[in-house]
């Protein structure tokens, strides 16, 4: 699903390929560092994160990548009805790419979609609420590797988008 931004650069959302693993890893690492400064410093190298993307994310999830021209700038990974990841390069935030990826994720799980977000990540919470997600639960952080309190949000297609 192609679209254009204000500079005329075409954006394409397509299924991720194995060859995208290194770019997806860089997006993942850079996005978390820029948008979630409360997280502990990254302990894994780019090569280790690339291996995780290739061996876990791309094998276990339906993964979409957003391209500006030929450059990957974001990705979303859906595992069943769980939006496991949605990350963008920090330099392309607030340009509609997250909405394009989220729309693609909703198409992958048309019966509904859940996700987890850190309670401190108010920007992500606002984005998902704007797109029809509602809070369905909260946790104390014991269920995630960062140990931070999280929220579970859910989108149901019958609810107002």
N, C-alpha and C. Protein backbone atom coordinates (compact mmCIF):
# COMPACT_ATOMS: atom_id res chain seq x y z
N UNK A 1 0.82 -1.18 0.00
CA UNK A 1 0.00 0.00 0.00
C UNK A 1 0.87 1.25 0.00
N UNK A 2 1.07 1.85 -1.19
CA UNK A 2 1.91 3.04 -1.30
C UNK A 2 1.16 4.32 -0.94
N UNK A 3 1.91 5.30 -0.46
CA UNK A 3 1.38 6.64 -0.23
C UNK A 3 2.56 7.60 -0.38
N UNK A 4 2.26 8.90 -0.39
CA UNK A 4 3.32 9.89 -0.51
C UNK A 4 3.28 10.83 0.67
N UNK A 5 4.47 11.30 1.08
CA UNK A 5 4.53 12.31 2.14
C UNK A 5 4.60 13.69 1.49
N UNK A 6 4.72 14.72 2.32
CA UNK A 6 4.68 16.08 1.80
C UNK A 6 5.85 16.41 0.88
N UNK A 7 6.95 15.68 0.94
CA UNK A 7 8.08 15.93 0.04
C UNK A 7 7.98 15.11 -1.23
N UNK A 8 6.92 14.31 -1.36
CA UNK A 8 6.73 13.52 -2.56
C UNK A 8 7.41 12.16 -2.53
N UNK A 9 8.10 11.84 -1.43
CA UNK A 9 8.73 10.52 -1.31
C UNK A 9 7.66 9.46 -1.16
N UNK A 10 7.73 8.43 -1.98
CA UNK A 10 6.75 7.36 -1.87
C UNK A 10 7.06 6.48 -0.67
N UNK A 11 6.02 6.13 0.07
CA UNK A 11 6.13 5.20 1.17
C UNK A 11 5.41 3.92 0.78
N UNK A 12 6.05 2.81 0.99
CA UNK A 12 5.48 1.51 0.66
C UNK A 12 5.50 0.65 1.92
N UNK A 13 4.38 -0.01 2.20
CA UNK A 13 4.31 -0.99 3.28
C UNK A 13 4.28 -2.36 2.60
N UNK A 14 5.22 -3.23 2.96
CA UNK A 14 5.28 -4.56 2.37
C UNK A 14 5.70 -5.56 3.43
N UNK A 15 5.47 -6.86 3.16
CA UNK A 15 5.95 -7.88 4.09
C UNK A 15 7.48 -7.80 4.22
N UNK A 16 7.97 -7.95 5.43
CA UNK A 16 9.41 -7.93 5.67
C UNK A 16 10.05 -9.19 5.09
N UNK A 17 11.29 -9.03 4.71
CA UNK A 17 12.10 -10.13 4.16
C UNK A 17 13.29 -10.37 5.07
N UNK A 18 13.89 -11.53 4.96
CA UNK A 18 15.07 -11.85 5.77
C UNK A 18 16.15 -10.79 5.60
N UNK A 19 16.31 -10.28 4.39
CA UNK A 19 17.31 -9.26 4.14
C UNK A 19 17.05 -7.93 4.84
N UNK A 20 15.86 -7.75 5.40
CA UNK A 20 15.52 -6.54 6.14
C UNK A 20 15.95 -6.59 7.61
N UNK A 21 16.43 -7.74 8.06
CA UNK A 21 16.68 -7.94 9.50
C UNK A 21 17.61 -6.89 10.10
N UNK A 22 18.71 -6.57 9.46
CA UNK A 22 19.65 -5.60 10.02
C UNK A 22 19.02 -4.21 10.11
N UNK A 23 18.26 -3.81 9.08
CA UNK A 23 17.61 -2.50 9.11
C UNK A 23 16.52 -2.46 10.18
N UNK A 24 15.77 -3.54 10.33
CA UNK A 24 14.73 -3.60 11.36
C UNK A 24 15.38 -3.52 12.74
N UNK A 25 16.49 -4.20 12.93
CA UNK A 25 17.20 -4.15 14.22
C UNK A 25 17.64 -2.72 14.53
N UNK A 26 18.16 -2.02 13.54
CA UNK A 26 18.61 -0.64 13.75
C UNK A 26 17.41 0.25 14.10
N UNK A 27 16.30 0.08 13.40
CA UNK A 27 15.08 0.85 13.70
C UNK A 27 14.65 0.58 15.14
N UNK A 28 14.62 -0.69 15.53
CA UNK A 28 14.21 -1.09 16.87
C UNK A 28 15.09 -0.42 17.93
N UNK A 29 16.38 -0.52 17.76
CA UNK A 29 17.32 0.02 18.74
C UNK A 29 17.25 1.55 18.80
N UNK A 30 17.27 2.19 17.64
CA UNK A 30 17.26 3.66 17.61
C UNK A 30 15.95 4.23 18.15
N UNK A 31 14.83 3.59 17.82
CA UNK A 31 13.54 4.08 18.28
C UNK A 31 13.42 3.99 19.80
N UNK A 32 13.79 2.84 20.34
CA UNK A 32 13.71 2.67 21.79
C UNK A 32 14.60 3.67 22.52
N UNK A 33 15.81 3.88 22.00
CA UNK A 33 16.73 4.82 22.64
C UNK A 33 16.18 6.25 22.61
N UNK A 34 15.57 6.64 21.49
CA UNK A 34 15.10 8.02 21.32
C UNK A 34 13.77 8.28 22.01
N UNK A 35 12.86 7.31 22.01
CA UNK A 35 11.51 7.57 22.49
C UNK A 35 11.22 7.03 23.89
N UNK A 36 12.12 6.19 24.41
CA UNK A 36 11.90 5.62 25.74
C UNK A 36 13.17 5.78 26.58
N UNK A 37 13.52 7.01 26.93
CA UNK A 37 14.76 7.25 27.67
C UNK A 37 14.78 6.63 29.07
N UNK A 38 13.64 6.22 29.56
CA UNK A 38 13.54 5.60 30.88
C UNK A 38 13.98 4.14 30.87
N UNK A 39 14.19 3.56 29.69
CA UNK A 39 14.64 2.16 29.62
C UNK A 39 16.12 2.08 30.00
N UNK A 40 16.52 0.93 30.57
CA UNK A 40 17.95 0.75 30.84
C UNK A 40 18.73 0.79 29.52
N UNK A 41 20.00 1.15 29.56
CA UNK A 41 20.81 1.18 28.33
C UNK A 41 20.81 -0.19 27.63
N UNK A 42 20.84 -0.14 26.31
CA UNK A 42 20.85 -1.36 25.50
C UNK A 42 22.12 -2.17 25.82
N UNK A 43 21.92 -3.44 26.15
CA UNK A 43 23.06 -4.31 26.45
C UNK A 43 23.43 -5.20 25.28
N UNK A 44 22.55 -5.29 24.31
CA UNK A 44 22.81 -6.17 23.17
C UNK A 44 23.35 -5.37 21.99
N UNK A 45 24.26 -6.00 21.26
CA UNK A 45 24.85 -5.36 20.09
C UNK A 45 23.87 -5.38 18.93
N UNK A 46 24.17 -4.59 17.91
CA UNK A 46 23.34 -4.58 16.71
C UNK A 46 23.31 -5.98 16.09
N UNK A 47 24.43 -6.68 16.08
CA UNK A 47 24.45 -8.04 15.52
C UNK A 47 23.54 -8.98 16.31
N UNK A 48 23.52 -8.85 17.63
CA UNK A 48 22.65 -9.70 18.45
C UNK A 48 21.18 -9.38 18.20
N UNK A 49 20.84 -8.12 18.09
CA UNK A 49 19.45 -7.74 17.83
C UNK A 49 19.06 -8.18 16.41
N UNK A 50 19.97 -8.06 15.46
CA UNK A 50 19.70 -8.53 14.10
C UNK A 50 19.41 -10.02 14.10
N UNK A 51 20.18 -10.78 14.83
CA UNK A 51 19.95 -12.24 14.93
C UNK A 51 18.57 -12.52 15.53
N UNK A 52 18.20 -11.79 16.58
CA UNK A 52 16.87 -11.94 17.20
C UNK A 52 15.76 -11.62 16.19
N UNK A 53 15.94 -10.54 15.44
CA UNK A 53 14.93 -10.19 14.43
C UNK A 53 14.80 -11.31 13.41
N UNK A 54 15.93 -11.80 12.90
CA UNK A 54 15.92 -12.82 11.86
C UNK A 54 15.38 -14.16 12.38
N UNK A 55 15.80 -14.56 13.57
CA UNK A 55 15.47 -15.89 14.08
C UNK A 55 14.19 -15.97 14.90
N UNK A 56 13.71 -14.84 15.39
CA UNK A 56 12.50 -14.85 16.22
C UNK A 56 11.39 -14.02 15.56
N UNK A 57 11.62 -12.73 15.41
CA UNK A 57 10.56 -11.85 14.92
C UNK A 57 10.09 -12.27 13.54
N UNK A 58 11.01 -12.42 12.59
CA UNK A 58 10.61 -12.74 11.22
C UNK A 58 10.06 -14.16 11.08
N UNK A 59 10.43 -15.05 11.98
CA UNK A 59 9.91 -16.43 11.91
C UNK A 59 8.58 -16.58 12.64
N UNK A 60 8.40 -15.86 13.76
CA UNK A 60 7.21 -16.04 14.59
C UNK A 60 6.08 -15.07 14.28
N UNK A 61 6.38 -13.98 13.59
CA UNK A 61 5.39 -12.92 13.40
C UNK A 61 5.19 -12.62 11.91
N UNK A 62 4.00 -12.12 11.60
CA UNK A 62 3.77 -11.49 10.30
C UNK A 62 4.33 -10.08 10.45
N UNK A 63 5.41 -9.81 9.74
CA UNK A 63 6.11 -8.54 9.93
C UNK A 63 6.00 -7.70 8.67
N UNK A 64 5.64 -6.45 8.88
CA UNK A 64 5.54 -5.47 7.79
C UNK A 64 6.66 -4.46 7.95
N UNK A 65 7.16 -3.97 6.84
CA UNK A 65 8.19 -2.94 6.87
C UNK A 65 7.69 -1.75 6.05
N UNK A 66 7.96 -0.55 6.56
CA UNK A 66 7.65 0.69 5.85
C UNK A 66 8.92 1.16 5.17
N UNK A 67 8.82 1.43 3.88
CA UNK A 67 9.96 1.90 3.10
C UNK A 67 9.69 3.31 2.61
N UNK A 68 10.68 4.18 2.70
CA UNK A 68 10.69 5.48 2.04
C UNK A 68 11.69 5.32 0.90
N UNK A 69 11.17 5.27 -0.30
CA UNK A 69 12.04 4.90 -1.41
C UNK A 69 12.45 3.45 -1.19
N UNK A 70 13.73 3.20 -1.05
CA UNK A 70 14.20 1.84 -0.78
C UNK A 70 14.67 1.68 0.67
N UNK A 71 14.56 2.73 1.46
CA UNK A 71 15.09 2.73 2.83
C UNK A 71 14.02 2.33 3.85
N UNK A 72 14.26 1.23 4.60
CA UNK A 72 13.33 0.88 5.67
C UNK A 72 13.33 1.96 6.76
N UNK A 73 12.13 2.39 7.14
CA UNK A 73 12.01 3.45 8.15
C UNK A 73 11.10 3.06 9.31
N UNK A 74 10.47 1.88 9.25
CA UNK A 74 9.62 1.42 10.33
C UNK A 74 9.21 -0.01 10.12
N UNK A 75 8.70 -0.62 11.19
CA UNK A 75 8.19 -1.98 11.05
C UNK A 75 7.12 -2.26 12.10
N UNK A 76 6.29 -3.23 11.78
CA UNK A 76 5.27 -3.73 12.70
C UNK A 76 5.30 -5.24 12.62
N UNK A 77 5.17 -5.90 13.77
CA UNK A 77 5.17 -7.36 13.83
C UNK A 77 3.94 -7.82 14.59
N UNK A 78 3.16 -8.70 13.95
CA UNK A 78 1.91 -9.22 14.52
C UNK A 78 2.05 -10.72 14.73
N UNK A 79 1.77 -11.15 15.94
CA UNK A 79 1.81 -12.57 16.30
C UNK A 79 0.40 -12.96 16.73
N UNK A 80 -0.36 -13.59 15.81
CA UNK A 80 -1.77 -13.90 16.09
C UNK A 80 -2.56 -12.62 16.17
N UNK A 81 -3.13 -12.34 17.35
CA UNK A 81 -3.86 -11.08 17.52
C UNK A 81 -3.10 -10.11 18.41
N UNK A 82 -1.78 -10.31 18.51
CA UNK A 82 -0.93 -9.44 19.32
C UNK A 82 -0.04 -8.59 18.43
N UNK A 83 -0.15 -7.28 18.54
CA UNK A 83 0.80 -6.38 17.90
C UNK A 83 2.02 -6.38 18.80
N UNK A 84 3.00 -7.18 18.43
CA UNK A 84 4.17 -7.39 19.27
C UNK A 84 5.15 -6.22 19.19
N UNK A 85 5.25 -5.59 18.03
CA UNK A 85 6.18 -4.47 17.83
C UNK A 85 5.62 -3.51 16.80
N UNK A 86 5.83 -2.22 17.03
CA UNK A 86 5.62 -1.19 16.02
C UNK A 86 6.61 -0.09 16.37
N UNK A 87 7.63 0.05 15.53
CA UNK A 87 8.69 1.02 15.77
C UNK A 87 9.00 1.77 14.49
N UNK A 88 9.36 3.05 14.65
CA UNK A 88 9.74 3.92 13.54
C UNK A 88 11.09 4.55 13.83
N UNK A 89 11.82 4.86 12.76
CA UNK A 89 13.05 5.64 12.93
C UNK A 89 12.65 6.97 13.58
N UNK A 90 13.45 7.47 14.52
CA UNK A 90 13.10 8.73 15.19
C UNK A 90 12.92 9.91 14.24
N UNK A 91 13.60 9.92 13.09
CA UNK A 91 13.52 11.05 12.18
C UNK A 91 12.27 11.03 11.29
N UNK A 92 11.43 10.00 11.41
CA UNK A 92 10.20 9.95 10.59
C UNK A 92 8.94 9.91 11.45
N UNK A 93 9.06 10.23 12.74
CA UNK A 93 7.88 10.25 13.60
C UNK A 93 6.92 11.35 13.16
N UNK A 94 5.64 11.11 13.41
CA UNK A 94 4.57 12.09 13.16
C UNK A 94 4.44 12.46 11.68
N UNK A 95 4.67 11.45 10.82
CA UNK A 95 4.51 11.67 9.38
C UNK A 95 3.50 10.69 8.77
N UNK A 96 2.75 9.98 9.62
CA UNK A 96 1.72 9.07 9.13
C UNK A 96 2.18 7.64 8.92
N UNK A 97 3.46 7.37 9.11
CA UNK A 97 3.96 6.01 8.89
C UNK A 97 3.45 5.03 9.94
N UNK A 98 3.36 5.46 11.18
CA UNK A 98 2.82 4.59 12.22
C UNK A 98 1.38 4.21 11.91
N UNK A 99 0.61 5.16 11.42
CA UNK A 99 -0.78 4.89 11.04
C UNK A 99 -0.83 3.88 9.90
N UNK A 100 0.04 4.03 8.90
CA UNK A 100 0.07 3.07 7.79
C UNK A 100 0.42 1.66 8.28
N UNK A 101 1.43 1.57 9.15
CA UNK A 101 1.81 0.26 9.68
C UNK A 101 0.70 -0.33 10.54
N UNK A 102 0.07 0.51 11.36
CA UNK A 102 -1.01 0.02 12.20
C UNK A 102 -2.19 -0.45 11.36
N UNK A 103 -2.50 0.25 10.31
CA UNK A 103 -3.57 -0.18 9.39
C UNK A 103 -3.23 -1.55 8.80
N UNK A 104 -1.98 -1.73 8.40
CA UNK A 104 -1.55 -3.03 7.89
C UNK A 104 -1.66 -4.12 8.94
N UNK A 105 -1.30 -3.79 10.18
CA UNK A 105 -1.40 -4.76 11.27
C UNK A 105 -2.85 -5.15 11.52
N UNK A 106 -3.76 -4.17 11.46
CA UNK A 106 -5.18 -4.47 11.64
C UNK A 106 -5.70 -5.40 10.54
N UNK A 107 -5.18 -5.24 9.33
CA UNK A 107 -5.57 -6.14 8.24
C UNK A 107 -5.07 -7.56 8.48
N UNK A 108 -3.94 -7.69 9.16
CA UNK A 108 -3.40 -9.01 9.47
C UNK A 108 -4.20 -9.70 10.57
N UNK A 109 -4.89 -8.93 11.39
CA UNK A 109 -5.69 -9.47 12.50
C UNK A 109 -7.05 -8.78 12.51
N UNK A 110 -7.89 -9.05 11.51
CA UNK A 110 -9.14 -8.30 11.36
C UNK A 110 -10.16 -8.53 12.47
N UNK A 111 -10.00 -9.58 13.27
CA UNK A 111 -10.95 -9.83 14.36
C UNK A 111 -10.60 -9.02 15.61
N UNK A 112 -9.47 -8.34 15.62
CA UNK A 112 -9.06 -7.54 16.76
C UNK A 112 -7.58 -7.66 17.00
N UNK A 113 -7.06 -6.73 17.77
CA UNK A 113 -5.62 -6.65 17.99
C UNK A 113 -5.37 -6.15 19.40
N UNK A 114 -4.45 -6.81 20.10
CA UNK A 114 -4.03 -6.37 21.43
C UNK A 114 -2.56 -5.97 21.38
N UNK A 115 -2.14 -5.21 22.36
CA UNK A 115 -0.74 -4.82 22.46
C UNK A 115 -0.44 -4.46 23.90
N UNK A 116 0.86 -4.43 24.20
CA UNK A 116 1.33 -4.01 25.52
C UNK A 116 2.17 -2.75 25.33
N UNK A 117 2.02 -1.81 26.24
CA UNK A 117 2.78 -0.56 26.20
C UNK A 117 3.17 -0.21 27.63
N UNK A 118 4.38 0.33 27.78
CA UNK A 118 4.81 0.75 29.11
C UNK A 118 3.92 1.90 29.57
N UNK A 119 3.61 1.92 30.86
CA UNK A 119 2.77 2.99 31.40
C UNK A 119 3.45 4.35 31.22
N UNK A 120 4.77 4.38 31.21
CA UNK A 120 5.49 5.64 31.02
C UNK A 120 5.44 6.13 29.57
N UNK A 121 5.06 5.28 28.65
CA UNK A 121 5.07 5.64 27.23
C UNK A 121 3.74 6.30 26.84
N UNK A 122 3.56 7.51 27.32
CA UNK A 122 2.30 8.22 27.11
C UNK A 122 2.07 8.58 25.64
N UNK A 123 3.15 8.80 24.90
CA UNK A 123 3.01 9.10 23.47
C UNK A 123 2.40 7.93 22.72
N UNK A 124 2.89 6.72 22.99
CA UNK A 124 2.35 5.53 22.34
C UNK A 124 0.90 5.30 22.77
N UNK A 125 0.62 5.51 24.04
CA UNK A 125 -0.76 5.33 24.51
C UNK A 125 -1.71 6.27 23.77
N UNK A 126 -1.31 7.52 23.60
CA UNK A 126 -2.16 8.49 22.89
C UNK A 126 -2.35 8.07 21.43
N UNK A 127 -1.29 7.60 20.78
CA UNK A 127 -1.37 7.14 19.40
C UNK A 127 -2.37 5.99 19.27
N UNK A 128 -2.24 4.99 20.12
CA UNK A 128 -3.13 3.83 20.01
C UNK A 128 -4.57 4.18 20.38
N UNK A 129 -4.78 5.01 21.38
CA UNK A 129 -6.15 5.43 21.72
C UNK A 129 -6.77 6.20 20.56
N UNK A 130 -5.98 7.02 19.91
CA UNK A 130 -6.47 7.77 18.74
C UNK A 130 -6.94 6.81 17.64
N UNK A 131 -6.35 5.64 17.59
CA UNK A 131 -6.68 4.64 16.56
C UNK A 131 -7.63 3.56 17.06
N UNK A 132 -8.38 3.86 18.11
CA UNK A 132 -9.46 2.98 18.53
C UNK A 132 -9.12 1.93 19.57
N UNK A 133 -7.94 1.97 20.15
CA UNK A 133 -7.56 1.01 21.19
C UNK A 133 -8.04 1.52 22.55
N UNK A 134 -8.40 0.59 23.41
CA UNK A 134 -8.84 0.92 24.77
C UNK A 134 -8.04 0.08 25.76
N UNK A 135 -7.80 0.62 26.94
CA UNK A 135 -7.08 -0.10 27.97
C UNK A 135 -7.96 -1.24 28.50
N UNK A 136 -7.39 -2.45 28.52
CA UNK A 136 -8.14 -3.60 29.05
C UNK A 136 -7.44 -4.24 30.24
N UNK A 137 -6.25 -3.74 30.58
CA UNK A 137 -5.56 -4.30 31.74
C UNK A 137 -4.27 -3.55 32.02
N UNK A 138 -3.78 -3.75 33.23
CA UNK A 138 -2.51 -3.14 33.66
C UNK A 138 -1.70 -4.18 34.39
N UNK A 139 -0.37 -4.05 34.30
CA UNK A 139 0.51 -4.97 35.00
C UNK A 139 1.60 -4.21 35.73
N UNK A 140 2.24 -4.90 36.67
CA UNK A 140 3.25 -4.29 37.51
C UNK A 140 4.67 -4.39 36.94
N UNK A 141 4.82 -4.98 35.77
CA UNK A 141 6.13 -5.12 35.16
C UNK A 141 6.75 -6.49 35.35
N UNK A 142 6.11 -7.33 36.14
CA UNK A 142 6.68 -8.66 36.37
C UNK A 142 6.61 -9.54 35.12
N UNK A 143 5.82 -9.13 34.13
CA UNK A 143 5.68 -9.93 32.92
C UNK A 143 6.55 -9.47 31.76
N UNK A 144 7.41 -8.46 31.97
CA UNK A 144 8.28 -8.03 30.88
C UNK A 144 9.73 -7.97 31.35
N UNK A 145 10.64 -8.06 30.41
CA UNK A 145 12.06 -8.15 30.77
C UNK A 145 12.61 -6.84 31.33
N UNK A 146 11.94 -5.73 31.08
CA UNK A 146 12.40 -4.45 31.61
C UNK A 146 11.94 -4.24 33.05
N UNK A 147 10.93 -4.99 33.49
CA UNK A 147 10.42 -4.85 34.85
C UNK A 147 9.64 -3.57 35.08
N UNK A 148 9.10 -2.98 34.00
CA UNK A 148 8.37 -1.72 34.12
C UNK A 148 6.86 -1.95 34.01
N UNK A 149 6.08 -1.21 34.78
CA UNK A 149 4.62 -1.34 34.69
C UNK A 149 4.14 -1.11 33.26
N UNK A 150 3.18 -1.95 32.84
CA UNK A 150 2.68 -1.88 31.48
C UNK A 150 1.16 -1.86 31.46
N UNK A 151 0.64 -1.55 30.29
CA UNK A 151 -0.80 -1.57 30.06
C UNK A 151 -1.05 -2.48 28.86
N UNK A 152 -2.20 -3.13 28.87
CA UNK A 152 -2.64 -3.89 27.70
C UNK A 152 -3.79 -3.11 27.07
N UNK A 153 -3.67 -2.88 25.77
CA UNK A 153 -4.70 -2.17 25.02
C UNK A 153 -5.26 -3.12 23.97
N UNK A 154 -6.51 -2.87 23.59
CA UNK A 154 -7.18 -3.75 22.62
C UNK A 154 -7.98 -2.92 21.64
N UNK A 155 -7.90 -3.31 20.38
CA UNK A 155 -8.75 -2.77 19.33
C UNK A 155 -9.69 -3.87 18.88
N UNK A 156 -10.97 -3.57 18.86
CA UNK A 156 -11.97 -4.48 18.33
C UNK A 156 -12.61 -3.78 17.13
N UNK A 157 -12.73 -4.49 16.00
CA UNK A 157 -13.23 -3.84 14.79
C UNK A 157 -14.64 -3.27 14.91
N UNK A 158 -15.46 -3.77 15.82
CA UNK A 158 -16.80 -3.24 16.00
C UNK A 158 -16.84 -1.96 16.78
N UNK A 159 -15.72 -1.65 17.47
CA UNK A 159 -15.66 -0.42 18.26
C UNK A 159 -15.36 0.77 17.34
N UNK A 160 -15.64 1.93 17.80
CA UNK A 160 -15.40 3.16 17.03
C UNK A 160 -13.90 3.34 16.81
N UNK A 161 -13.52 3.56 15.56
CA UNK A 161 -12.10 3.78 15.19
C UNK A 161 -11.79 5.24 15.10
